[in-house]
Structure formats: C-alpha cells, structure tokens
N, C-alpha and C. Protein backbone atom coordinates (compact mmCIF):
# COMPACT_ATOMS: atom_id res chain seq x y z
N UNK A 1 -20.41 -1.00 -18.61
CA UNK A 1 -19.74 -2.06 -17.44
C UNK A 1 -18.31 -2.69 -18.16
N UNK A 2 -17.61 -2.43 -17.15
CA UNK A 2 -16.09 -2.75 -17.32
C UNK A 2 -15.91 -4.39 -16.83
N UNK A 3 -15.40 -5.02 -18.14
CA UNK A 3 -15.06 -6.38 -17.67
C UNK A 3 -13.96 -6.65 -16.98
N UNK A 4 -14.20 -7.18 -15.71
CA UNK A 4 -12.90 -8.10 -14.73
C UNK A 4 -12.33 -8.96 -15.35
N UNK A 5 -12.42 -9.58 -16.82
CA UNK A 5 -11.98 -10.80 -17.22
C UNK A 5 -11.00 -10.33 -18.30
N UNK A 6 -11.45 -8.97 -18.74
CA UNK A 6 -10.77 -8.35 -19.99
C UNK A 6 -9.12 -8.84 -19.88
N UNK A 7 -8.72 -8.90 -21.11
CA UNK A 7 -7.13 -9.45 -21.31
C UNK A 7 -6.22 -8.47 -20.70
N UNK A 8 -6.62 -6.93 -20.74
CA UNK A 8 -5.56 -6.12 -20.31
C UNK A 8 -5.93 -5.52 -19.02
N UNK A 9 -6.88 -6.25 -17.95
CA UNK A 9 -7.12 -6.25 -16.75
C UNK A 9 -5.78 -6.50 -15.87
N UNK A 10 -5.16 -5.29 -15.44
CA UNK A 10 -3.83 -5.70 -14.43
C UNK A 10 -4.39 -6.62 -13.21
N UNK A 11 -5.55 -6.06 -12.78
CA UNK A 11 -5.85 -6.58 -11.41
C UNK A 11 -5.73 -8.27 -11.23
N UNK A 12 -5.72 -9.30 -12.59
CA UNK A 12 -5.74 -10.25 -12.59
C UNK A 12 -4.63 -10.99 -12.77
N UNK A 13 -3.70 -10.08 -13.14
CA UNK A 13 -2.07 -10.28 -13.34
C UNK A 13 -1.29 -10.85 -11.94
N UNK A 14 -1.28 -12.49 -11.88
CA UNK A 14 -0.62 -12.38 -10.90
C UNK A 14 1.17 -11.87 -10.29
N UNK A 15 1.87 -11.52 -11.94
CA UNK A 15 2.69 -10.82 -11.76
C UNK A 15 3.27 -9.50 -11.56
N UNK A 16 2.49 -8.60 -10.74
CA UNK A 16 2.79 -7.62 -10.24
C UNK A 16 4.19 -7.43 -10.03
N UNK A 17 4.80 -6.36 -10.39
CA UNK A 17 5.76 -5.48 -10.13
C UNK A 17 5.97 -4.95 -8.70
N UNK A 18 7.20 -4.80 -7.78
CA UNK A 18 6.82 -4.06 -6.45
C UNK A 18 6.28 -3.05 -6.54
N UNK A 19 6.17 -1.78 -7.39
CA UNK A 19 5.93 -0.85 -7.15
C UNK A 19 4.10 -0.77 -7.07
N UNK A 20 3.53 -1.99 -8.05
CA UNK A 20 2.22 -1.95 -8.40
C UNK A 20 1.71 -2.87 -7.02
N UNK A 21 2.51 -3.79 -6.43
CA UNK A 21 2.08 -4.25 -5.73
C UNK A 21 1.88 -3.30 -3.96
N UNK A 22 2.76 -2.58 -3.97
CA UNK A 22 3.11 -1.70 -2.89
C UNK A 22 1.50 -0.43 -3.31
N UNK A 23 1.29 -0.20 -4.38
CA UNK A 23 0.35 0.82 -4.62
C UNK A 23 -1.14 -0.02 -4.04
N UNK A 24 -1.20 -1.43 -4.65
CA UNK A 24 -2.45 -1.88 -4.34
C UNK A 24 -2.59 -2.06 -2.83
N UNK A 25 -1.50 -2.23 -2.01
CA UNK A 25 -1.29 -2.09 -0.72
C UNK A 25 -2.15 -0.89 -0.29
N UNK A 26 -1.22 0.20 -0.41
CA UNK A 26 -1.49 1.52 -0.10
C UNK A 26 -2.99 1.84 -0.16
N UNK A 27 -3.65 1.50 -1.56
CA UNK A 27 -4.82 1.72 -1.88
C UNK A 27 -6.01 0.99 -0.87
N UNK A 28 -5.68 -0.09 -0.97
CA UNK A 28 -6.14 -1.14 -0.06
C UNK A 28 -6.35 -0.61 1.67
N UNK A 29 -5.51 -0.33 2.04
CA UNK A 29 -5.40 0.13 3.37
C UNK A 29 -6.02 1.72 3.16
N UNK A 30 -5.99 2.60 2.67
CA UNK A 30 -6.36 4.00 2.59
C UNK A 30 -8.02 3.61 2.05
N UNK A 31 -8.71 2.94 1.57
CA UNK A 31 -9.87 2.66 1.42
C UNK A 31 -10.52 2.22 2.46
N UNK A 32 -10.12 1.26 3.10
CA UNK A 32 -10.45 0.51 4.27
C UNK A 32 -10.81 1.67 5.58
N UNK A 33 -9.38 2.48 5.96
CA UNK A 33 -9.33 3.31 6.84
C UNK A 33 -10.49 4.17 6.64
N UNK A 34 -10.84 4.71 5.19
CA UNK A 34 -11.67 5.94 4.63
C UNK A 34 -12.90 5.05 5.25
N UNK A 35 -13.20 4.00 4.51
CA UNK A 35 -14.36 3.47 5.05
C UNK A 35 -14.92 3.10 6.21
N UNK A 36 -14.22 2.99 7.17
CA UNK A 36 -14.38 2.94 8.68
C UNK A 36 -14.51 4.28 9.08
N UNK A 37 -13.60 5.16 8.90
CA UNK A 37 -13.81 6.72 9.29
C UNK A 37 -15.06 7.21 9.14
N UNK A 38 -15.65 6.79 7.58
CA UNK A 38 -16.48 7.62 7.27
C UNK A 38 -17.97 6.82 7.28
N UNK A 39 -18.06 5.71 7.57
CA UNK A 39 -19.47 4.78 7.78
C UNK A 39 -20.44 5.15 8.30
N UNK A 40 -20.23 5.87 9.59
CA UNK A 40 -21.63 6.49 10.17
C UNK A 40 -21.85 7.97 10.02
N UNK A 41 -21.19 8.50 9.17
CA UNK A 41 -21.42 9.82 8.71
C UNK A 41 -22.35 9.76 7.90
N UNK A 42 -22.65 8.83 7.01
CA UNK A 42 -23.76 8.69 6.32
C UNK A 42 -25.43 8.23 7.07
N UNK A 43 -25.15 7.82 8.20
CA UNK A 43 -26.24 7.28 9.14
C UNK A 43 -26.93 9.09 9.48
N UNK A 44 -26.14 9.69 9.83
CA UNK A 44 -26.53 11.11 10.24
C UNK A 44 -27.43 11.87 9.54
N UNK A 45 -27.40 11.96 8.39
CA UNK A 45 -28.23 12.75 7.64
C UNK A 45 -29.44 11.90 7.20
N UNK A 46 -29.15 10.47 7.18
CA UNK A 46 -30.13 9.73 6.93
C UNK A 46 -31.45 9.72 8.09
N UNK A 47 -31.05 10.10 9.32
CA UNK A 47 -31.79 10.22 10.53
C UNK A 47 -32.18 11.36 10.17
N UNK A 48 -32.09 12.36 9.85
CA UNK A 48 -32.66 14.02 9.49
C UNK A 48 -33.73 13.87 8.69
N UNK A 49 -33.35 12.90 7.69
CA UNK A 49 -34.40 12.72 6.53
C UNK A 49 -35.22 11.77 6.92
N UNK A 50 -35.58 11.14 7.85
CA UNK A 50 -36.05 10.11 8.12
C UNK A 50 -36.22 8.55 7.44
N UNK A 51 -34.92 8.20 7.29
CA UNK A 51 -34.84 7.01 6.17
C UNK A 51 -33.73 6.59 6.54
N UNK A 52 -34.10 5.10 6.78
CA UNK A 52 -32.82 4.05 7.41
C UNK A 52 -31.68 4.06 5.92
N UNK A 53 -30.51 3.81 6.60
CA UNK A 53 -29.05 3.39 5.67
C UNK A 53 -29.43 2.77 4.69
N UNK A 54 -30.06 1.52 5.40
CA UNK A 54 -30.34 0.59 3.80
C UNK A 54 -31.13 0.83 2.71
N UNK A 55 -32.20 1.57 3.22
CA UNK A 55 -33.26 2.28 2.53
C UNK A 55 -32.57 3.20 1.18
N UNK A 56 -31.52 3.75 2.33
CA UNK A 56 -31.06 4.93 1.34
C UNK A 56 -29.79 4.76 0.31
N UNK A 57 -29.58 3.44 0.89
CA UNK A 57 -28.31 2.39 -0.32
C UNK A 57 -29.09 1.99 -1.52
N UNK A 58 -30.38 1.42 -1.04
CA UNK A 58 -30.94 1.12 -2.17
C UNK A 58 -31.80 1.96 -3.39
N UNK A 59 -31.86 2.96 -2.67
CA UNK A 59 -32.57 4.21 -3.38
C UNK A 59 -31.47 4.81 -4.17
N UNK A 60 -30.03 5.09 -3.56
CA UNK A 60 -29.41 5.73 -4.15
C UNK A 60 -28.79 4.51 -5.46
N UNK A 61 -28.76 3.17 -5.35
CA UNK A 61 -28.78 2.23 -6.22
C UNK A 61 -29.58 2.11 -7.45
N UNK A 62 -30.51 2.26 -6.84
CA UNK A 62 -31.88 2.41 -8.35
C UNK A 62 -31.38 3.53 -8.80
N UNK A 63 -31.07 4.72 -8.39
CA UNK A 63 -31.21 5.96 -9.24
C UNK A 63 -29.61 5.95 -9.73
N UNK A 64 -28.55 4.91 -9.64
CA UNK A 64 -27.34 4.76 -10.41
C UNK A 64 -27.68 3.49 -11.56
N UNK A 65 -28.82 2.82 -11.13
CA UNK A 65 -29.23 1.61 -12.00
C UNK A 65 -30.34 1.89 -12.40
N UNK A 66 -30.89 2.55 -12.86
CA UNK A 66 -32.63 3.11 -13.51
C UNK A 66 -32.99 1.36 -14.12
N UNK A 67 -34.06 0.95 -13.81
CA UNK A 67 -34.45 -0.25 -14.48
C UNK A 67 -34.10 -1.48 -14.02
N UNK A 68 -33.49 -1.65 -12.87
CA UNK A 68 -33.00 -2.47 -12.23
C UNK A 68 -34.24 -3.34 -11.36
N UNK A 69 -33.81 -4.45 -10.89
CA UNK A 69 -34.80 -5.14 -10.25
C UNK A 69 -34.24 -5.90 -8.71
N UNK A 70 -35.00 -6.43 -7.96
CA UNK A 70 -34.87 -6.87 -6.89
C UNK A 70 -33.37 -7.48 -6.84
N UNK A 71 -33.55 -8.65 -7.62
CA UNK A 71 -32.33 -9.67 -8.12
C UNK A 71 -31.05 -8.83 -8.34
N UNK A 72 -31.21 -7.93 -9.13
CA UNK A 72 -29.92 -7.19 -9.30
C UNK A 72 -29.46 -6.67 -7.90
N UNK A 73 -30.42 -5.62 -7.28
CA UNK A 73 -29.84 -5.08 -6.37
C UNK A 73 -29.18 -6.10 -5.25
N UNK A 74 -29.91 -7.12 -5.21
CA UNK A 74 -29.09 -8.17 -4.25
C UNK A 74 -28.29 -8.67 -4.30
N UNK A 75 -27.89 -9.11 -5.90
CA UNK A 75 -26.68 -9.65 -6.37
C UNK A 75 -25.59 -8.67 -6.09
N UNK A 76 -25.70 -7.54 -6.81
CA UNK A 76 -24.45 -6.33 -6.71
C UNK A 76 -24.28 -6.07 -5.29
N UNK A 77 -25.22 -6.02 -4.27
CA UNK A 77 -24.78 -5.45 -3.02
C UNK A 77 -24.63 -6.42 -1.85
N UNK A 78 -24.70 -7.64 -2.41
CA UNK A 78 -24.26 -9.01 -1.68
C UNK A 78 -25.53 -8.64 -0.44
N UNK A 79 -26.51 -8.77 -1.10
CA UNK A 79 -27.49 -8.80 -0.02
C UNK A 79 -28.57 -9.78 -0.41
N UNK A 80 -29.24 -10.16 0.81
CA UNK A 80 -30.39 -11.32 0.89
C UNK A 80 -31.79 -10.55 -0.14
N UNK A 81 -32.35 -11.48 -0.94
CA UNK A 81 -33.31 -10.90 -2.16
C UNK A 81 -34.74 -10.71 -1.07
N UNK A 82 -34.69 -11.33 0.26
CA UNK A 82 -35.96 -11.10 1.17
C UNK A 82 -35.49 -9.60 1.54
N UNK A 83 -34.08 -9.21 2.03
CA UNK A 83 -34.20 -8.07 2.61
C UNK A 83 -34.56 -7.04 1.65
N UNK A 84 -33.82 -7.19 0.29
CA UNK A 84 -33.87 -6.15 -0.70
C UNK A 84 -35.39 -6.02 -0.84
N UNK A 85 -36.03 -7.03 -1.13
CA UNK A 85 -37.36 -7.03 -1.06
C UNK A 85 -38.25 -6.47 -0.06
N UNK A 86 -37.96 -6.39 1.53
CA UNK A 86 -38.34 -5.60 2.19
C UNK A 86 -38.61 -3.99 2.28
N UNK A 87 -36.79 -3.88 1.74
CA UNK A 87 -36.52 -2.52 1.93
C UNK A 87 -37.18 -1.60 0.79
N UNK A 88 -37.39 -2.64 -0.51
CA UNK A 88 -38.18 -1.81 -1.85
C UNK A 88 -39.61 -1.70 -1.51
N UNK A 89 -40.04 -2.61 -0.88
CA UNK A 89 -41.67 -2.55 -0.16
C UNK A 89 -41.80 -0.84 0.62
N UNK A 90 -41.17 -0.72 1.33
CA UNK A 90 -40.88 0.15 2.17
C UNK A 90 -40.97 1.56 1.35
N UNK A 91 -39.55 1.45 0.52
CA UNK A 91 -39.67 2.75 -0.50
C UNK A 91 -40.52 2.67 -1.61
N UNK A 92 -41.40 2.03 -1.80
CA UNK A 92 -42.66 1.96 -2.60
C UNK A 92 -43.80 2.66 -1.82
N UNK A 93 -43.76 2.37 -0.46
CA UNK A 93 -44.92 2.91 0.45
C UNK A 93 -44.77 3.86 0.33
N UNK A 94 -43.64 4.56 0.58
CA UNK A 94 -43.40 5.93 0.88
C UNK A 94 -43.08 6.81 -0.70
N UNK A 95 -43.57 6.21 -1.61
CA UNK A 95 -43.39 7.08 -2.64
C UNK A 95 -41.74 7.33 -3.31
N UNK A 96 -40.85 6.80 -2.94
CA UNK A 96 -39.87 7.10 -3.26
C UNK A 96 -39.31 6.31 -4.50
N UNK A 97 -39.82 5.19 -4.69
CA UNK A 97 -39.13 4.51 -6.25
C UNK A 97 -41.04 4.10 -6.72
N UNK A 98 -40.63 4.13 -8.09
CA UNK A 98 -42.07 3.47 -8.80
C UNK A 98 -41.51 2.09 -9.40
N UNK A 99 -42.13 1.29 -9.79
CA UNK A 99 -41.99 0.01 -10.35
C UNK A 99 -42.66 0.01 -11.61
N UNK A 100 -42.18 -0.59 -12.74
CA UNK A 100 -42.62 -0.86 -13.92
C UNK A 100 -42.48 -2.14 -14.65
N UNK A 101 -43.96 -2.85 -15.13
CA UNK A 101 -43.52 -4.01 -15.68
C UNK A 101 -42.35 -3.86 -16.89
N UNK A 102 -41.29 -4.93 -17.01
CA UNK A 102 -40.67 -5.09 -18.00
C UNK A 102 -40.89 -5.54 -18.95
N UNK A 103 -41.11 -4.92 -20.22
CA UNK A 103 -41.24 -5.20 -21.29
C UNK A 103 -40.84 -6.55 -21.94
N UNK A 104 -39.69 -7.04 -21.62
CA UNK A 104 -39.40 -8.75 -22.20
C UNK A 104 -39.94 -9.35 -21.48
N UNK A 105 -39.84 -9.16 -19.94
CA UNK A 105 -40.06 -10.67 -18.99
C UNK A 105 -41.47 -10.04 -18.30
N UNK A 106 -42.64 -10.40 -18.42
CA UNK A 106 -43.79 -9.96 -17.80
C UNK A 106 -44.06 -9.95 -16.39
N UNK A 107 -42.56 -11.00 -15.82
CA UNK A 107 -43.05 -11.44 -14.79
C UNK A 107 -42.14 -10.55 -13.48
N UNK A 108 -41.02 -9.75 -14.46
CA UNK A 108 -39.80 -8.93 -13.71
C UNK A 108 -40.82 -7.45 -13.79
N UNK A 109 -40.31 -6.84 -12.79
CA UNK A 109 -40.59 -5.36 -12.48
C UNK A 109 -39.31 -4.79 -12.31
N UNK A 110 -39.40 -3.38 -13.27
CA UNK A 110 -38.17 -2.79 -13.34
C UNK A 110 -38.43 -1.77 -12.17
N UNK A 111 -37.36 -1.10 -11.69
CA UNK A 111 -37.45 -0.23 -10.37
C UNK A 111 -36.80 1.32 -11.20
N UNK A 112 -37.54 2.54 -10.81
CA UNK A 112 -36.99 3.81 -10.79
C UNK A 112 -37.15 4.53 -9.81
N UNK A 113 -36.14 5.78 -9.49
CA UNK A 113 -36.48 6.42 -8.68
C UNK A 113 -37.81 7.66 -8.92
N UNK A 114 -38.73 7.57 -7.94
CA UNK A 114 -39.74 8.35 -8.02
C UNK A 114 -39.17 10.34 -8.12
N UNK A 115 -40.14 11.24 -8.48
CA UNK A 115 -39.79 12.63 -8.13
C UNK A 115 -39.62 12.77 -6.73
N UNK A 116 -40.24 12.05 -5.82
CA UNK A 116 -40.12 12.50 -4.46
C UNK A 116 -38.72 11.77 -3.92
N UNK A 117 -38.32 10.27 -4.49
CA UNK A 117 -36.85 9.88 -4.23
C UNK A 117 -36.11 10.51 -4.88
N UNK A 118 -36.20 11.04 -6.27
CA UNK A 118 -34.66 12.22 -6.28
C UNK A 118 -35.16 13.28 -5.81
N UNK A 119 -36.28 14.01 -4.87
CA UNK A 119 -35.84 15.08 -3.96
C UNK A 119 -34.95 14.83 -2.71
N UNK A 120 -35.43 13.40 -2.23
CA UNK A 120 -34.86 13.20 -1.18
C UNK A 120 -33.18 12.81 -1.60
N UNK A 121 -32.95 12.40 -2.46
CA UNK A 121 -31.40 11.95 -2.93
C UNK A 121 -30.78 13.48 -3.24
N UNK A 122 -31.63 14.18 -3.38
CA UNK A 122 -31.06 15.70 -3.58
C UNK A 122 -30.70 16.33 -2.44
N UNK A 123 -31.68 16.20 -1.02
CA UNK A 123 -31.06 16.76 0.05
C UNK A 123 -30.34 15.50 0.59
N UNK A 124 -30.00 14.94 0.50
CA UNK A 124 -28.96 13.81 1.04
C UNK A 124 -28.02 14.36 0.76
N UNK A 125 -27.42 14.65 -0.86
CA UNK A 125 -26.28 14.99 -1.09
C UNK A 125 -25.96 16.62 -0.80
N UNK A 126 -27.10 17.39 -0.57
CA UNK A 126 -26.72 18.50 0.13
C UNK A 126 -26.54 18.43 1.40
N UNK A 127 -27.04 17.52 2.34
CA UNK A 127 -26.43 16.96 3.70
C UNK A 127 -24.92 16.75 3.55
N UNK A 128 -24.81 15.54 2.80
CA UNK A 128 -23.22 14.87 2.50
C UNK A 128 -22.52 16.31 2.56
N UNK A 129 -22.96 17.16 1.55
CA UNK A 129 -22.15 18.10 1.12
C UNK A 129 -21.55 19.23 2.43
N UNK A 130 -22.85 19.42 3.48
CA UNK A 130 -22.58 20.18 4.75
C UNK A 130 -21.66 19.53 5.29
N UNK A 131 -21.71 18.20 5.36
CA UNK A 131 -20.64 17.40 6.18
C UNK A 131 -19.50 17.49 5.64
N UNK A 132 -19.08 17.31 4.40
CA UNK A 132 -17.83 17.30 3.50
C UNK A 132 -17.17 18.65 3.95
N UNK A 133 -17.92 19.45 3.68
CA UNK A 133 -17.25 20.57 3.84
C UNK A 133 -16.87 21.40 5.17
N UNK A 134 -17.55 20.82 6.24
CA UNK A 134 -17.02 21.15 7.31
C UNK A 134 -15.72 20.05 8.13
N UNK A 135 -15.79 19.05 6.93
CA UNK A 135 -14.31 18.39 7.34
C UNK A 135 -13.37 18.79 6.59
N UNK A 136 -13.31 19.31 5.29
CA UNK A 136 -12.51 19.91 4.55
C UNK A 136 -11.95 21.21 4.89
N UNK A 137 -12.65 22.07 5.82
CA UNK A 137 -12.30 23.01 6.20
C UNK A 137 -11.00 22.79 7.22
N UNK A 138 -10.93 21.41 7.49
CA UNK A 138 -10.16 21.40 8.71
C UNK A 138 -8.85 20.92 7.67
N UNK A 139 -8.81 20.73 6.31
CA UNK A 139 -7.67 19.90 5.61
C UNK A 139 -7.13 21.04 5.11
N UNK A 140 -5.83 20.75 4.67
CA UNK A 140 -4.88 21.42 3.64
C UNK A 140 -5.81 21.28 2.11
N UNK A 141 -5.73 22.51 2.06
CA UNK A 141 -6.24 23.02 0.86
C UNK A 141 -5.56 22.12 -0.37
N UNK A 142 -4.55 21.83 -0.27
CA UNK A 142 -3.65 21.04 -1.41
C UNK A 142 -4.10 19.40 -1.35
N UNK A 143 -4.57 19.10 -0.16
CA UNK A 143 -5.12 17.57 -0.11
C UNK A 143 -6.53 17.80 -0.68
N UNK A 144 -7.16 18.69 -0.37
CA UNK A 144 -8.65 18.78 -0.89
C UNK A 144 -8.54 18.92 -2.39
N UNK A 145 -7.39 19.44 -3.09
CA UNK A 145 -7.80 19.52 -4.52
C UNK A 145 -7.25 18.21 -4.98
N UNK A 146 -5.95 17.28 -4.52
CA UNK A 146 -5.50 16.07 -4.55
C UNK A 146 -7.18 14.97 -4.38
N UNK A 147 -7.68 15.36 -3.50
CA UNK A 147 -9.21 14.45 -3.57
C UNK A 147 -10.05 14.69 -4.62
N UNK A 148 -10.57 16.18 -5.06
CA UNK A 148 -11.06 16.39 -6.10
C UNK A 148 -10.63 15.53 -6.97
N UNK A 149 -9.37 15.74 -7.57
CA UNK A 149 -8.59 15.24 -8.76
C UNK A 149 -8.67 13.83 -8.80
N UNK A 150 -8.72 12.90 -7.74
CA UNK A 150 -9.22 11.54 -7.57
C UNK A 150 -10.55 11.05 -7.94
N UNK A 151 -11.88 11.65 -7.90
CA UNK A 151 -13.07 11.44 -7.70
C UNK A 151 -12.91 10.21 -9.20
N UNK A 152 -12.67 11.10 -10.19
CA UNK A 152 -12.67 9.95 -11.46
C UNK A 152 -12.00 8.83 -11.13
N UNK A 153 -11.18 8.63 -10.68
CA UNK A 153 -10.38 7.11 -10.37
C UNK A 153 -11.06 6.35 -9.22
N UNK A 154 -11.56 7.06 -8.26
CA UNK A 154 -12.60 6.42 -7.35
C UNK A 154 -13.98 6.21 -7.95
N UNK A 155 -14.50 6.77 -8.85
CA UNK A 155 -15.66 6.47 -9.71
C UNK A 155 -15.53 5.25 -10.33
N UNK A 156 -14.48 5.22 -11.15
CA UNK A 156 -13.59 3.79 -11.87
C UNK A 156 -13.64 2.81 -11.33
N UNK A 157 -13.01 2.99 -9.85
CA UNK A 157 -12.76 1.82 -9.21
C UNK A 157 -14.25 1.38 -8.42
N UNK A 158 -15.26 2.02 -8.17
CA UNK A 158 -16.85 1.69 -7.64
C UNK A 158 -17.22 0.86 -9.06
N UNK A 159 -16.99 1.25 -10.50
CA UNK A 159 -17.48 0.55 -11.28
C UNK A 159 -16.92 -0.65 -11.60
N UNK A 160 -15.57 -0.65 -11.46
CA UNK A 160 -14.79 -2.14 -11.74
C UNK A 160 -15.48 -3.11 -10.12
N UNK A 161 -15.28 -2.48 -9.02
CA UNK A 161 -15.82 -3.34 -8.01
C UNK A 161 -17.31 -4.23 -8.28
N UNK A 162 -18.11 -3.10 -9.37
CA UNK A 162 -19.52 -3.75 -9.33
C UNK A 162 -19.42 -5.06 -10.18
N UNK A 163 -18.75 -4.58 -11.21
CA UNK A 163 -18.54 -5.67 -12.11
C UNK A 163 -17.70 -7.12 -11.26
N UNK A 164 -16.47 -6.63 -10.57
CA UNK A 164 -15.97 -7.76 -9.51
C UNK A 164 -17.02 -8.86 -9.13
N UNK A 165 -18.10 -7.64 -8.44
CA UNK A 165 -19.17 -8.48 -7.70
C UNK A 165 -19.85 -9.41 -8.22
N UNK A 166 -20.25 -8.92 -9.39
CA UNK A 166 -21.29 -9.60 -10.50
C UNK A 166 -20.66 -10.63 -11.20
N UNK A 167 -19.34 -10.63 -11.53
CA UNK A 167 -18.55 -11.77 -11.64
C UNK A 167 -18.37 -12.95 -10.71
N UNK A 168 -18.20 -12.46 -9.48
CA UNK A 168 -17.88 -13.31 -8.53
C UNK A 168 -18.77 -14.36 -7.82
N UNK A 169 -20.23 -13.37 -8.10
CA UNK A 169 -21.31 -14.08 -7.92
C UNK A 169 -21.70 -15.21 -8.85
N UNK A 170 -21.25 -14.88 -9.79
CA UNK A 170 -21.28 -16.01 -11.25
C UNK A 170 -20.59 -17.03 -10.83
N UNK A 171 -19.41 -16.99 -10.12
CA UNK A 171 -18.68 -18.09 -10.14
C UNK A 171 -19.08 -18.86 -8.70
N UNK A 172 -19.73 -17.98 -7.95
CA UNK A 172 -19.87 -18.86 -6.38
C UNK A 172 -21.41 -19.34 -6.09
C-alpha cells in the first residue's frame, strides 16, 4: 500500500504549477462525470444475479482484501460498522464468503470469498464486460485504446484513494 504522507507525494504539495492544477481539475471533473454516468450501470447486473449493490461492493472488497474484517471494510469504504456487519451476515448466509478466526487476535474474524462468491464475482465481471462492450461499440476505437492504456493509472488512483481514506479516518 502506498502512503499518502510520503515526502514525494505531490498531492500534498500546495505549490502546484498551473499545468498540474489544471490536470487535477480535469481529473476531478472527469471522475465525477464518469461515476455519475456509470453509477446505476452496476446495479443492473446485480439485479440479474440477485445480489444488492452493497453486497456486491462488500464481496468485491473482500476479494481484493482477503483476510480483512468488518472494521476494515467500514473504515476504508466510509460505512457504518453495523451496516457492514448486516451485509457480511447476508453474504455468509448465502455462502458467498467465509470467515476464519484470526491467528493473532482470537476475537477478530478474517473474511474470505468462498468458491460460490468467486463464481458470482466472475459472473458479475462477465455481465459488466457485456455492458462495457455495448458502450465501447459506440466509441471511437482510439478512445477505447486510450481508456485501456489508462487502466493502470486508474488502479493506482484507486490504491492511493484507499490510503487517503485510511489516513483521513485516522486523523478524524
């Protein structure tokens, strides 16, 4: 995980040059527009798979953070622990995740995606792929190529965002 407090992190540097400030503004606007436009797209495949958006988000989080606990999910996703606990219970009841006792802290329980949950995630990826395929068919091929090349940077942004949230939670 990358630390948002590292000395070379330009995001904490208040003395941005004009070009960097403009790039940050463009990224912020672009991300907001993208999230606003695509937010509801994720719910459609979930309906086909009989899982709520919150359950899918927690299931996906557990898949990318194996061994996490309810408090980790709540902290990093800005959710109430009671809501996460209820969602985790539903996922456990549906055999989509499994829990194991933490070897260090016997009170803690580590969460992992079950085989059934992994199958459901794969179905979700397939459904999302179908939706994205239909969308990109309407786009210029060069734009699609640029989007594909931007995926590593978007994943890095997601990683840094998690670190930012975690450090923000510690400060407040």
